[in-house]
Structure formats: structure tokens, C-alpha cells
Amino acid sequence: MAVEVSRRTDYAVRLLIELARSDGATISVRALAETQDVPYAFARGIQRELVASGLVESRRGASGGIFLARPAEAISLLDVVTAMQGEPSCSVCTSDPGWCKRVGGCSVHGVWSEADKLLSEYLGTKSLAGLI
């Protein structure tokens, strides 16, 4: 992931915050999308990724929808970003060591690595529960 949070990730955070507010209730993806002003087609795709990542579970049927797979306190922004975009990274060289020929001899690589670490630590401290 580049440092920029994608629209898809932003939408995922909004949908998850709405689920966190629901106190464990199952909510339809359509209702979540409408409440959070997320295009329904986008929300359906996001739902699949969130289920695959284990952040939400889905229930089929008339009262179906999605719900948080664990308490809101146990889901961090880092979890969401990683599920939607992969590990946060300030530079391609820290996420793909084969990308740069200067690996091992670059004076800036350590700075980018430390920035990645700080960003991940910070996002890891921000839970869904803290955002509601």
C-alpha cells in the first residue's frame, strides 16, 4: 500500500464503524451502504474482502447480513487497512525488497522502514470502539 488510504479502505472503515455501533446486530449490506453513503456495488465487494479477512461474518436469509467477527475493541484500523490494501508502507522498497537495486546500501531505506513501523503501531492503537 502507498501511504494514501484508498476510497475502498475508507468505505470499509465507515461500514465497520456502523457495525460497531450496532452492538453485535446483523445488518444488511444494503442498509449499511445507505446509512454510510457508500455505493451498494462497492459495499458488496468490500463485504467479500472483510469476510475473507475474518473481520466480519455473514448470515444468509431474510434476516441476513453481516456482523463483526470479534468485539469492536479488538479490531484496529491497522486490521482494516491490511485487509483492504495490505501492510502500510511508505515506499515500495520496504514492501518489495527486490524492487530496488540499492537494497542494503541505501541510507534512506532505514528511514522508510522506521516510518512504516511507526504508522503500523499508530494504526494498531486505533480500534473501531474508539472511533465510535
Protein backbone atom coordinates (compact mmCIF):
# COMPACT_ATOMS: atom_id res chain seq x y z
CA MET A 1 0.00 0.00 0.00
CA ALA A 2 1.12 3.51 -0.61
CA VAL A 3 0.73 5.91 2.29
CA GLU A 4 -2.59 7.02 0.83
CA VAL A 5 -5.71 5.33 2.18
CA SER A 6 -7.84 4.23 -0.76
CA ARG A 7 -11.50 5.09 -1.14
CA ARG A 8 -12.27 1.37 -0.77
CA THR A 9 -10.48 1.30 2.60
CA ASP A 10 -12.24 4.47 3.74
CA TYR A 11 -15.59 2.91 2.84
CA ALA A 12 -14.65 -0.28 4.70
CA VAL A 13 -13.83 1.73 7.83
CA ARG A 14 -17.17 3.54 7.62
CA LEU A 15 -19.11 0.28 7.19
CA LEU A 16 -17.26 -1.31 10.11
CA ILE A 17 -17.87 1.69 12.37
CA GLU A 18 -21.58 1.38 11.63
CA LEU A 19 -21.43 -2.33 12.51
CA ALA A 20 -19.57 -1.48 15.72
CA ARG A 21 -22.38 0.93 16.66
CA SER A 22 -24.94 -1.86 16.20
CA ASP A 23 -23.80 -3.78 19.31
CA GLY A 24 -23.43 -7.14 17.56
CA ALA A 25 -26.56 -6.93 15.44
CA THR A 26 -26.61 -8.37 11.94
CA ILE A 27 -27.17 -5.60 9.38
CA SER A 28 -27.78 -5.96 5.66
CA VAL A 29 -25.08 -4.66 3.37
CA ARG A 30 -27.69 -2.54 1.63
CA ALA A 31 -28.69 -0.84 4.90
CA LEU A 32 -25.04 -0.25 5.83
CA ALA A 33 -24.33 1.20 2.41
CA GLU A 34 -27.31 3.55 2.59
CA THR A 35 -26.52 4.68 6.14
CA GLN A 36 -22.88 5.40 5.34
CA ASP A 37 -23.45 6.77 1.82
CA VAL A 38 -21.38 4.03 0.19
CA PRO A 39 -22.37 2.84 -3.29
CA TYR A 40 -24.05 -0.56 -2.87
CA ALA A 41 -21.92 -2.29 -5.51
CA PHE A 42 -18.79 -1.07 -3.71
CA ALA A 43 -20.19 -2.25 -0.37
CA ARG A 44 -20.83 -5.76 -1.73
CA GLY A 45 -17.23 -6.06 -2.88
CA ILE A 46 -15.95 -4.71 0.42
CA GLN A 47 -18.14 -7.20 2.28
CA ARG A 48 -16.45 -10.10 0.48
CA GLU A 49 -12.99 -8.82 1.41
CA LEU A 50 -13.98 -8.21 5.03
CA VAL A 51 -15.42 -11.72 5.32
CA ALA A 52 -12.31 -13.24 3.69
CA SER A 53 -10.09 -11.33 6.14
CA GLY A 54 -12.09 -12.56 9.14
CA LEU A 55 -13.17 -9.10 10.30
CA VAL A 56 -16.86 -9.79 9.68
CA GLU A 57 -19.08 -12.82 9.30
CA SER A 58 -22.14 -13.09 7.14
CA ARG A 59 -25.52 -14.63 7.70
CA ARG A 60 -27.85 -15.58 4.86
CA GLY A 61 -31.62 -15.43 4.81
CA ALA A 62 -34.43 -13.00 5.47
CA SER A 63 -32.69 -11.52 8.50
CA GLY A 64 -29.25 -11.92 6.96
CA GLY A 65 -26.43 -9.50 6.64
CA ILE A 66 -23.04 -9.05 8.23
CA PHE A 67 -21.77 -8.61 11.77
CA LEU A 68 -18.40 -8.08 13.42
CA ALA A 69 -16.46 -11.31 13.86
CA ARG A 70 -14.93 -10.05 17.10
CA PRO A 71 -15.55 -7.17 19.52
CA ALA A 72 -15.04 -3.64 18.17
CA GLU A 73 -12.27 -3.13 20.74
CA ALA A 74 -10.34 -5.98 19.09
CA ILE A 75 -10.45 -4.57 15.53
CA SER A 76 -7.91 -1.87 14.77
CA LEU A 77 -7.53 0.48 11.85
CA LEU A 78 -4.36 -1.48 11.04
CA ASP A 79 -6.51 -4.62 10.71
CA VAL A 80 -8.82 -2.84 8.27
CA VAL A 81 -6.06 -1.20 6.21
CA THR A 82 -4.18 -4.50 5.98
CA ALA A 83 -7.34 -6.38 4.96
CA MET A 84 -8.16 -3.87 2.24
CA GLN A 85 -4.75 -2.73 0.98
CA GLY A 86 -2.05 -4.87 2.54
CA GLU A 87 0.55 -3.78 5.09
CA PRO A 88 1.00 0.01 5.16
CA SER A 89 4.25 1.10 3.54
CA CYS A 90 5.79 4.49 2.82
CA SER A 91 7.97 3.20 -0.01
CA VAL A 92 7.95 0.33 -2.45
CA CYS A 93 11.43 -0.61 -1.25
CA THR A 94 10.16 -1.57 2.20
CA SER A 95 7.28 -3.68 0.90
CA ASP A 96 9.16 -5.27 -2.01
CA PRO A 97 12.89 -5.69 -1.31
CA GLY A 98 13.52 -6.95 -4.85
CA TRP A 99 12.23 -3.70 -6.31
CA CYS A 100 15.37 -1.65 -5.65
CA LYS A 101 18.94 -2.47 -6.70
CA ARG A 102 20.31 -0.38 -3.84
CA VAL A 103 18.93 -2.59 -1.06
CA GLY A 104 21.50 -2.90 1.72
CA GLY A 105 23.36 0.21 0.61
CA CYS A 106 20.70 2.89 0.73
CA SER A 107 20.86 5.46 3.51
CA VAL A 108 17.12 6.22 3.29
CA HIS A 109 15.80 2.65 3.49
CA GLY A 110 16.05 2.63 7.28
CA VAL A 111 14.04 5.84 7.50
CA TRP A 112 11.24 4.39 5.36
CA SER A 113 11.29 1.17 7.42
CA GLU A 114 11.01 3.11 10.68
CA ALA A 115 8.17 5.24 9.23
CA ASP A 116 6.35 2.03 8.26
CA LYS A 117 6.78 0.71 11.79
CA LEU A 118 5.50 3.92 13.38
CA LEU A 119 2.48 4.06 11.07
CA SER A 120 1.58 0.44 11.78
CA GLU A 121 1.97 0.94 15.52
CA TYR A 122 -0.21 4.05 15.45
CA LEU A 123 -2.97 2.47 13.36
CA GLY A 124 -2.81 -0.57 15.63
CA THR A 125 -3.77 1.60 18.60
CA LYS A 126 -6.97 2.92 16.99
CA SER A 127 -9.86 0.48 17.47
CA LEU A 128 -13.34 0.63 15.98
CA ALA A 129 -14.67 1.04 19.51
CA GLY A 130 -12.51 4.13 19.98
CA LEU A 131 -13.85 5.63 16.76
CA ILE A 132 -17.48 5.41 17.80
